[in-house]
């Protein structure tokens, strides 16, 4: 049945909870792929001096089909952060959920109080702060237009960092 397939995908996206342990790149990638995320890439930003000026080790960039799919993948990563009790360590993604989308009101109740529709309205890019990793989930159009990998890797990235 169609509902069974959705439940199976959600279960596949669950990462074994190890309380207090940050998610690895491999775990985040597996979660995104289990939900249909494509072209999952890990980028290690470096400045001119070889260090990372941004305060995290890696960016994981994932392509989703559309804005609803962007939300699904970002929410799954946040669920896995919460399952590891990382909100106790102050990990932003576990405390507040994904960032981005036009509707920043997180709960259905708060949206109703604000006079907003019950369903969230999202755009094509959401970010999850996983502590030492930042996950960027983008629809195809946004990923192509922004080109995060190009900004941090290869010739264009070198040129931008030298400015």
N, C-alpha and C. Protein backbone atom coordinates (compact mmCIF):
# COMPACT_ATOMS: atom_id res chain seq x y z
N UNK A 1 0.84 -1.19 0.00
CA UNK A 1 0.00 0.00 0.00
C UNK A 1 0.88 1.25 0.00
N UNK A 2 0.40 2.35 -0.59
CA UNK A 2 1.20 3.58 -0.64
C UNK A 2 1.61 4.09 0.74
N UNK A 3 0.73 3.99 1.72
CA UNK A 3 1.05 4.45 3.07
C UNK A 3 2.18 3.65 3.70
N UNK A 4 2.21 2.34 3.38
CA UNK A 4 3.27 1.48 3.91
C UNK A 4 4.64 1.90 3.38
N UNK A 5 4.70 2.32 2.12
CA UNK A 5 5.97 2.74 1.53
C UNK A 5 6.49 4.00 2.22
N UNK A 6 5.59 4.93 2.54
CA UNK A 6 6.00 6.17 3.21
C UNK A 6 6.53 5.87 4.61
N UNK A 7 5.86 4.97 5.32
CA UNK A 7 6.31 4.59 6.66
C UNK A 7 7.67 3.90 6.59
N UNK A 8 7.86 3.03 5.60
CA UNK A 8 9.14 2.34 5.44
C UNK A 8 10.26 3.33 5.15
N UNK A 9 10.01 4.33 4.30
CA UNK A 9 11.03 5.35 4.01
C UNK A 9 11.39 6.12 5.26
N UNK A 10 10.37 6.49 6.05
CA UNK A 10 10.65 7.25 7.27
C UNK A 10 11.48 6.42 8.24
N UNK A 11 11.17 5.13 8.35
CA UNK A 11 11.96 4.26 9.23
C UNK A 11 13.39 4.13 8.73
N UNK A 12 13.57 4.05 7.41
CA UNK A 12 14.91 3.96 6.84
C UNK A 12 15.73 5.21 7.12
N UNK A 13 15.05 6.35 7.30
CA UNK A 13 15.77 7.60 7.53
C UNK A 13 16.17 7.79 8.99
N UNK A 14 15.73 6.88 9.86
CA UNK A 14 16.09 6.98 11.27
C UNK A 14 17.50 6.47 11.49
N UNK A 15 18.26 7.25 12.23
CA UNK A 15 19.64 6.91 12.56
C UNK A 15 19.64 6.36 13.98
N UNK A 16 20.40 5.29 14.25
CA UNK A 16 20.41 4.76 15.62
C UNK A 16 20.75 5.85 16.64
N UNK A 17 19.89 6.01 17.66
CA UNK A 17 20.14 7.07 18.64
C UNK A 17 21.28 6.70 19.59
N UNK A 18 22.31 7.51 19.60
CA UNK A 18 23.42 7.37 20.53
C UNK A 18 23.45 8.69 21.30
N UNK A 19 22.86 8.72 22.49
CA UNK A 19 22.70 9.98 23.22
C UNK A 19 24.00 10.79 23.30
N UNK A 20 23.89 12.06 22.92
CA UNK A 20 25.00 12.99 23.02
C UNK A 20 26.01 12.96 21.89
N UNK A 21 25.90 11.99 20.97
CA UNK A 21 26.88 11.89 19.87
C UNK A 21 26.37 12.67 18.66
N UNK A 22 27.22 13.56 18.13
CA UNK A 22 26.86 14.32 16.94
C UNK A 22 26.69 13.39 15.74
N UNK A 23 25.85 13.79 14.80
CA UNK A 23 25.66 13.00 13.59
C UNK A 23 26.89 13.11 12.70
N UNK A 24 27.25 12.00 12.07
CA UNK A 24 28.38 12.01 11.13
C UNK A 24 27.87 12.36 9.73
N UNK A 25 28.79 12.70 8.86
CA UNK A 25 28.42 12.99 7.46
C UNK A 25 27.75 11.78 6.83
N UNK A 26 28.29 10.61 7.11
CA UNK A 26 27.74 9.38 6.54
C UNK A 26 26.30 9.15 7.02
N UNK A 27 26.04 9.39 8.30
CA UNK A 27 24.68 9.21 8.83
C UNK A 27 23.70 10.21 8.21
N UNK A 28 24.13 11.45 8.10
CA UNK A 28 23.26 12.48 7.51
C UNK A 28 22.98 12.15 6.05
N UNK A 29 24.00 11.74 5.31
CA UNK A 29 23.84 11.38 3.90
C UNK A 29 22.88 10.21 3.75
N UNK A 30 23.04 9.19 4.59
CA UNK A 30 22.16 8.02 4.53
C UNK A 30 20.71 8.40 4.82
N UNK A 31 20.50 9.28 5.78
CA UNK A 31 19.16 9.75 6.12
C UNK A 31 18.53 10.45 4.92
N UNK A 32 19.28 11.36 4.31
CA UNK A 32 18.76 12.12 3.16
C UNK A 32 18.46 11.20 1.98
N UNK A 33 19.36 10.27 1.70
CA UNK A 33 19.16 9.35 0.58
C UNK A 33 17.97 8.42 0.81
N UNK A 34 17.77 8.00 2.06
CA UNK A 34 16.63 7.12 2.37
C UNK A 34 15.31 7.80 2.06
N UNK A 35 15.29 9.13 2.12
CA UNK A 35 14.07 9.88 1.83
C UNK A 35 14.02 10.39 0.40
N UNK A 36 14.96 9.96 -0.43
CA UNK A 36 14.93 10.34 -1.84
C UNK A 36 15.78 11.54 -2.18
N UNK A 37 16.61 12.02 -1.23
CA UNK A 37 17.53 13.12 -1.53
C UNK A 37 18.55 12.67 -2.56
N UNK A 38 18.91 13.58 -3.47
CA UNK A 38 19.84 13.22 -4.55
C UNK A 38 21.09 14.10 -4.49
N UNK A 39 22.10 13.65 -5.20
CA UNK A 39 23.35 14.41 -5.36
C UNK A 39 23.84 14.94 -4.01
N UNK A 40 23.97 14.04 -3.03
CA UNK A 40 24.42 14.41 -1.70
C UNK A 40 25.94 14.60 -1.75
N UNK A 41 26.40 15.79 -1.40
CA UNK A 41 27.83 16.10 -1.44
C UNK A 41 28.28 16.70 -0.12
N UNK A 42 29.51 16.36 0.25
CA UNK A 42 30.12 16.93 1.45
C UNK A 42 31.19 17.91 1.01
N UNK A 43 31.15 19.11 1.56
CA UNK A 43 32.10 20.17 1.22
C UNK A 43 32.80 20.59 2.51
N UNK A 44 34.11 20.69 2.45
CA UNK A 44 34.89 21.16 3.60
C UNK A 44 35.43 22.56 3.30
N UNK A 45 34.73 23.59 3.77
CA UNK A 45 35.17 24.96 3.48
C UNK A 45 36.53 25.26 4.11
N UNK A 46 37.38 25.93 3.36
CA UNK A 46 38.70 26.33 3.85
C UNK A 46 38.98 27.76 3.41
N UNK A 47 39.61 28.51 4.27
CA UNK A 47 40.03 29.87 3.93
C UNK A 47 41.39 29.83 3.26
N UNK A 48 41.94 30.99 2.96
CA UNK A 48 43.25 31.08 2.32
C UNK A 48 44.36 30.44 3.14
N UNK A 49 44.22 30.47 4.46
CA UNK A 49 45.26 29.91 5.32
C UNK A 49 45.06 28.42 5.59
N UNK A 50 44.08 27.80 4.94
CA UNK A 50 43.84 26.36 5.11
C UNK A 50 42.92 26.01 6.26
N UNK A 51 42.51 26.99 7.05
CA UNK A 51 41.60 26.72 8.15
C UNK A 51 40.17 27.05 7.73
N UNK A 52 39.23 26.59 8.50
CA UNK A 52 37.82 26.86 8.21
C UNK A 52 37.40 28.11 8.96
N UNK A 53 37.06 29.17 8.26
CA UNK A 53 36.68 30.42 8.92
C UNK A 53 35.23 30.45 9.40
N UNK A 54 34.48 29.39 9.15
CA UNK A 54 33.04 29.44 9.39
C UNK A 54 32.58 28.80 10.69
N UNK A 55 33.44 28.09 11.40
CA UNK A 55 33.06 27.52 12.68
C UNK A 55 32.42 26.14 12.62
N UNK A 56 32.46 25.48 11.48
CA UNK A 56 31.98 24.11 11.39
C UNK A 56 32.90 23.35 10.45
N UNK A 57 32.89 22.02 10.55
CA UNK A 57 33.81 21.20 9.77
C UNK A 57 33.38 21.00 8.32
N UNK A 58 32.09 20.71 8.14
CA UNK A 58 31.62 20.33 6.81
C UNK A 58 30.24 20.90 6.52
N UNK A 59 29.98 21.07 5.23
CA UNK A 59 28.64 21.36 4.74
C UNK A 59 28.20 20.12 3.96
N UNK A 60 26.98 19.71 4.18
CA UNK A 60 26.42 18.62 3.40
C UNK A 60 25.29 19.23 2.58
N UNK A 61 25.39 19.09 1.27
CA UNK A 61 24.42 19.70 0.36
C UNK A 61 23.61 18.58 -0.28
N UNK A 62 22.28 18.71 -0.22
CA UNK A 62 21.36 17.69 -0.72
C UNK A 62 20.37 18.33 -1.67
N UNK A 63 20.05 17.64 -2.77
CA UNK A 63 19.02 18.11 -3.69
C UNK A 63 17.71 17.38 -3.41
N UNK A 64 16.63 18.15 -3.30
CA UNK A 64 15.29 17.60 -3.11
C UNK A 64 14.44 17.92 -4.34
N UNK A 65 13.32 17.21 -4.50
CA UNK A 65 12.46 17.39 -5.68
C UNK A 65 11.75 18.73 -5.70
N UNK A 66 11.23 19.14 -4.54
CA UNK A 66 10.42 20.36 -4.46
C UNK A 66 10.45 20.87 -3.03
N UNK A 67 9.72 21.95 -2.75
CA UNK A 67 9.80 22.56 -1.42
C UNK A 67 9.27 21.64 -0.32
N UNK A 68 8.25 20.84 -0.61
CA UNK A 68 7.75 19.90 0.40
C UNK A 68 8.80 18.84 0.71
N UNK A 69 9.51 18.39 -0.31
CA UNK A 69 10.57 17.40 -0.13
C UNK A 69 11.74 18.00 0.65
N UNK A 70 12.04 19.28 0.39
CA UNK A 70 13.07 19.99 1.16
C UNK A 70 12.73 19.92 2.64
N UNK A 71 11.49 20.25 2.98
CA UNK A 71 11.02 20.24 4.38
C UNK A 71 11.11 18.84 4.97
N UNK A 72 10.70 17.82 4.22
CA UNK A 72 10.71 16.44 4.72
C UNK A 72 12.12 16.01 5.12
N UNK A 73 13.09 16.27 4.25
CA UNK A 73 14.47 15.86 4.54
C UNK A 73 15.03 16.65 5.72
N UNK A 74 14.82 17.97 5.74
CA UNK A 74 15.33 18.80 6.83
C UNK A 74 14.71 18.38 8.17
N UNK A 75 13.42 18.11 8.18
CA UNK A 75 12.75 17.67 9.41
C UNK A 75 13.29 16.32 9.89
N UNK A 76 13.61 15.42 8.96
CA UNK A 76 14.14 14.10 9.34
C UNK A 76 15.50 14.25 10.01
N UNK A 77 16.35 15.12 9.48
CA UNK A 77 17.66 15.34 10.11
C UNK A 77 17.45 15.88 11.53
N UNK A 78 16.52 16.82 11.69
CA UNK A 78 16.24 17.38 13.02
C UNK A 78 15.70 16.32 13.98
N UNK A 79 14.83 15.45 13.49
CA UNK A 79 14.31 14.36 14.34
C UNK A 79 15.45 13.50 14.86
N UNK A 80 16.42 13.21 13.98
CA UNK A 80 17.55 12.38 14.39
C UNK A 80 18.44 13.11 15.40
N UNK A 81 18.58 14.41 15.27
CA UNK A 81 19.33 15.18 16.27
C UNK A 81 18.63 15.11 17.62
N UNK A 82 17.31 15.27 17.61
CA UNK A 82 16.54 15.23 18.85
C UNK A 82 16.58 13.85 19.49
N UNK A 83 16.58 12.80 18.65
CA UNK A 83 16.63 11.43 19.18
C UNK A 83 17.93 11.16 19.93
N UNK A 84 18.96 11.93 19.62
CA UNK A 84 20.25 11.80 20.32
C UNK A 84 20.37 12.79 21.48
N UNK A 85 19.28 13.41 21.85
CA UNK A 85 19.25 14.36 22.96
C UNK A 85 20.24 15.51 22.78
N UNK A 86 20.48 15.91 21.54
CA UNK A 86 21.47 16.95 21.29
C UNK A 86 20.96 18.35 21.63
N UNK A 87 19.66 18.46 21.91
CA UNK A 87 19.14 19.75 22.39
C UNK A 87 19.76 20.10 23.74
N UNK A 88 20.12 19.08 24.52
CA UNK A 88 20.76 19.32 25.83
C UNK A 88 22.15 19.93 25.68
N UNK A 89 22.77 19.69 24.53
CA UNK A 89 24.11 20.24 24.26
C UNK A 89 24.03 21.58 23.53
N UNK A 90 22.82 22.05 23.28
CA UNK A 90 22.65 23.34 22.62
C UNK A 90 22.78 23.30 21.11
N UNK A 91 22.66 22.12 20.49
CA UNK A 91 22.74 22.03 19.04
C UNK A 91 21.49 22.67 18.45
N UNK A 92 21.69 23.68 17.62
CA UNK A 92 20.60 24.52 17.12
C UNK A 92 19.53 23.71 16.39
N UNK A 93 19.93 22.76 15.54
CA UNK A 93 18.96 21.96 14.79
C UNK A 93 18.07 21.13 15.68
N UNK A 94 18.60 20.67 16.83
CA UNK A 94 17.80 19.89 17.78
C UNK A 94 16.89 20.80 18.60
N UNK A 95 17.36 22.00 18.89
CA UNK A 95 16.56 22.94 19.69
C UNK A 95 15.43 23.58 18.91
N UNK A 96 15.75 24.06 17.70
CA UNK A 96 14.80 24.90 16.96
C UNK A 96 14.33 24.33 15.64
N UNK A 97 14.92 23.24 15.19
CA UNK A 97 14.53 22.66 13.91
C UNK A 97 15.25 23.33 12.76
N UNK A 98 14.78 23.07 11.54
CA UNK A 98 15.45 23.64 10.36
C UNK A 98 15.21 25.14 10.25
N UNK A 99 16.15 25.80 9.61
CA UNK A 99 16.03 27.23 9.37
C UNK A 99 15.76 27.43 7.89
N UNK A 100 14.98 28.45 7.57
CA UNK A 100 14.67 28.73 6.18
C UNK A 100 13.20 28.54 5.93
N UNK A 101 12.82 28.67 4.69
CA UNK A 101 11.40 28.64 4.37
C UNK A 101 10.81 29.99 4.73
N UNK A 102 9.72 30.33 4.11
CA UNK A 102 9.12 31.64 4.38
C UNK A 102 8.34 31.64 5.68
N UNK A 103 7.87 30.48 6.12
CA UNK A 103 7.07 30.40 7.33
C UNK A 103 7.98 29.95 8.48
N UNK A 104 8.38 30.88 9.32
CA UNK A 104 9.28 30.54 10.40
C UNK A 104 8.54 30.12 11.66
N UNK A 105 7.22 30.19 11.66
CA UNK A 105 6.43 29.76 12.80
C UNK A 105 6.41 28.24 12.80
N UNK A 106 6.86 27.64 13.88
CA UNK A 106 7.11 26.21 13.85
C UNK A 106 5.92 25.32 14.17
N UNK A 107 5.07 25.71 15.08
CA UNK A 107 3.99 24.80 15.45
C UNK A 107 2.67 25.21 14.82
N UNK A 108 1.83 24.22 14.61
CA UNK A 108 0.50 24.46 14.03
C UNK A 108 -0.29 25.44 14.91
N UNK A 109 -0.14 25.28 16.23
CA UNK A 109 -0.85 26.14 17.17
C UNK A 109 -0.39 27.60 17.04
N UNK A 110 0.93 27.81 16.94
CA UNK A 110 1.44 29.17 16.80
C UNK A 110 1.03 29.79 15.46
N UNK A 111 0.98 28.96 14.41
CA UNK A 111 0.54 29.48 13.11
C UNK A 111 -0.92 29.91 13.19
N UNK A 112 -1.73 29.12 13.89
CA UNK A 112 -3.15 29.45 14.02
C UNK A 112 -3.32 30.75 14.80
N UNK A 113 -2.55 30.91 15.89
CA UNK A 113 -2.61 32.15 16.69
C UNK A 113 -2.23 33.37 15.85
N UNK A 114 -1.26 33.18 14.95
CA UNK A 114 -0.79 34.29 14.11
C UNK A 114 -1.69 34.52 12.91
N UNK A 115 -2.76 33.71 12.78
CA UNK A 115 -3.68 33.87 11.66
C UNK A 115 -3.12 33.34 10.35
N UNK A 116 -2.15 32.42 10.44
CA UNK A 116 -1.53 31.83 9.25
C UNK A 116 -2.20 30.51 8.91
N UNK A 117 -2.07 30.04 7.68
CA UNK A 117 -2.64 28.74 7.32
C UNK A 117 -1.98 27.63 8.15
N UNK A 118 -2.72 26.54 8.35
CA UNK A 118 -2.21 25.43 9.16
C UNK A 118 -0.97 24.80 8.55
N UNK A 119 -0.93 24.72 7.22
CA UNK A 119 0.23 24.11 6.57
C UNK A 119 1.33 25.14 6.38
N UNK A 120 2.55 24.67 6.47
CA UNK A 120 3.71 25.56 6.29
C UNK A 120 3.88 25.92 4.82
N UNK A 121 4.40 27.11 4.59
CA UNK A 121 4.75 27.54 3.24
C UNK A 121 6.27 27.61 3.21
N UNK A 122 6.88 26.85 2.33
CA UNK A 122 8.33 26.78 2.30
C UNK A 122 8.87 27.26 0.97
N UNK A 123 10.14 27.60 0.98
CA UNK A 123 10.81 27.90 -0.28
C UNK A 123 11.75 26.75 -0.60
N UNK A 124 12.68 26.97 -1.48
CA UNK A 124 13.50 25.88 -1.98
C UNK A 124 14.79 25.62 -1.25
N UNK A 125 14.95 26.14 -0.01
CA UNK A 125 16.24 25.97 0.68
C UNK A 125 16.01 25.98 2.18
N UNK A 126 16.46 24.95 2.86
CA UNK A 126 16.42 24.90 4.31
C UNK A 126 17.78 24.46 4.81
N UNK A 127 18.13 24.92 6.00
CA UNK A 127 19.43 24.63 6.60
C UNK A 127 19.20 24.01 7.97
N UNK A 128 19.99 22.99 8.29
CA UNK A 128 19.96 22.38 9.61
C UNK A 128 21.37 22.49 10.20
N UNK A 129 21.47 23.13 11.36
CA UNK A 129 22.74 23.26 12.07
C UNK A 129 22.89 22.03 12.96
N UNK A 130 23.83 21.17 12.59
CA UNK A 130 24.07 19.92 13.33
C UNK A 130 25.31 20.03 14.22
N UNK A 131 25.73 21.23 14.54
CA UNK A 131 26.92 21.41 15.37
C UNK A 131 28.15 21.56 14.51
N UNK A 132 28.87 20.48 14.29
CA UNK A 132 30.09 20.55 13.48
C UNK A 132 29.81 20.35 11.99
N UNK A 133 28.55 20.17 11.64
CA UNK A 133 28.15 20.04 10.24
C UNK A 133 26.90 20.89 10.00
N UNK A 134 26.83 21.48 8.82
CA UNK A 134 25.66 22.25 8.42
C UNK A 134 25.07 21.56 7.20
N UNK A 135 23.77 21.27 7.24
CA UNK A 135 23.10 20.58 6.14
C UNK A 135 22.28 21.60 5.36
N UNK A 136 22.53 21.68 4.06
CA UNK A 136 21.77 22.54 3.16
C UNK A 136 20.92 21.63 2.28
N UNK A 137 19.60 21.73 2.41
CA UNK A 137 18.69 20.96 1.56
C UNK A 137 18.05 21.95 0.61
N UNK A 138 18.27 21.73 -0.69
CA UNK A 138 17.80 22.68 -1.70
C UNK A 138 17.05 21.95 -2.80
N UNK A 139 16.06 22.64 -3.39
CA UNK A 139 15.45 22.07 -4.59
C UNK A 139 16.44 22.28 -5.74
N UNK A 140 16.18 21.63 -6.87
CA UNK A 140 17.13 21.66 -7.99
C UNK A 140 17.42 23.07 -8.48
N UNK A 141 16.38 23.87 -8.62
CA UNK A 141 16.54 25.23 -9.14
C UNK A 141 17.43 26.07 -8.22
N UNK A 142 17.19 25.99 -6.92
CA UNK A 142 17.98 26.77 -5.96
C UNK A 142 19.42 26.28 -5.92
N UNK A 143 19.60 24.97 -5.94
CA UNK A 143 20.97 24.44 -5.88
C UNK A 143 21.79 24.88 -7.08
N UNK A 144 21.17 24.85 -8.24
CA UNK A 144 21.88 25.27 -9.45
C UNK A 144 22.19 26.76 -9.41
N UNK A 145 21.24 27.57 -8.94
CA UNK A 145 21.43 29.02 -8.92
C UNK A 145 22.47 29.46 -7.89
N UNK A 146 22.45 28.85 -6.70
CA UNK A 146 23.35 29.27 -5.63
C UNK A 146 24.75 28.68 -5.80
N UNK A 147 24.83 27.41 -6.12
CA UNK A 147 26.13 26.76 -6.36
C UNK A 147 27.07 26.79 -5.17
N UNK A 148 26.61 26.33 -4.00
CA UNK A 148 27.46 26.34 -2.81
C UNK A 148 28.78 25.62 -3.02
N UNK A 149 28.74 24.48 -3.69
CA UNK A 149 29.98 23.73 -3.91
C UNK A 149 30.98 24.56 -4.70
N UNK A 150 30.50 25.26 -5.72
CA UNK A 150 31.39 26.09 -6.53
C UNK A 150 32.02 27.21 -5.71
N UNK A 151 31.28 27.70 -4.72
CA UNK A 151 31.81 28.78 -3.89
C UNK A 151 32.96 28.32 -3.00
N UNK A 152 32.97 27.04 -2.64
CA UNK A 152 33.96 26.57 -1.68
C UNK A 152 34.97 25.59 -2.25
N UNK A 153 34.79 25.16 -3.47
CA UNK A 153 35.72 24.22 -4.08
C UNK A 153 36.20 24.78 -5.41
N UNK A 154 37.36 24.33 -5.84
CA UNK A 154 37.84 24.64 -7.18
C UNK A 154 38.23 26.09 -7.39
N UNK A 155 38.41 26.45 -8.66
CA UNK A 155 38.92 27.76 -9.05
C UNK A 155 38.08 28.93 -8.61
N UNK A 156 36.77 28.83 -8.75
CA UNK A 156 35.91 29.95 -8.37
C UNK A 156 36.00 30.21 -6.87
N UNK A 157 36.03 29.13 -6.09
CA UNK A 157 36.17 29.28 -4.64
C UNK A 157 37.49 29.91 -4.26
N UNK A 158 38.56 29.50 -4.92
CA UNK A 158 39.88 30.10 -4.66
C UNK A 158 39.86 31.59 -4.97
N UNK A 159 39.26 31.95 -6.10
CA UNK A 159 39.21 33.35 -6.50
C UNK A 159 38.41 34.17 -5.49
N UNK A 160 37.27 33.65 -5.03
CA UNK A 160 36.44 34.38 -4.07
C UNK A 160 37.15 34.54 -2.73
N UNK A 161 37.86 33.50 -2.28
CA UNK A 161 38.54 33.58 -0.99
C UNK A 161 39.71 34.54 -1.02
N UNK A 162 40.26 34.81 -2.20
CA UNK A 162 41.41 35.71 -2.28
C UNK A 162 41.00 37.18 -2.32
N UNK A 163 39.72 37.44 -2.44
CA UNK A 163 39.24 38.84 -2.51
C UNK A 163 39.29 39.47 -1.13
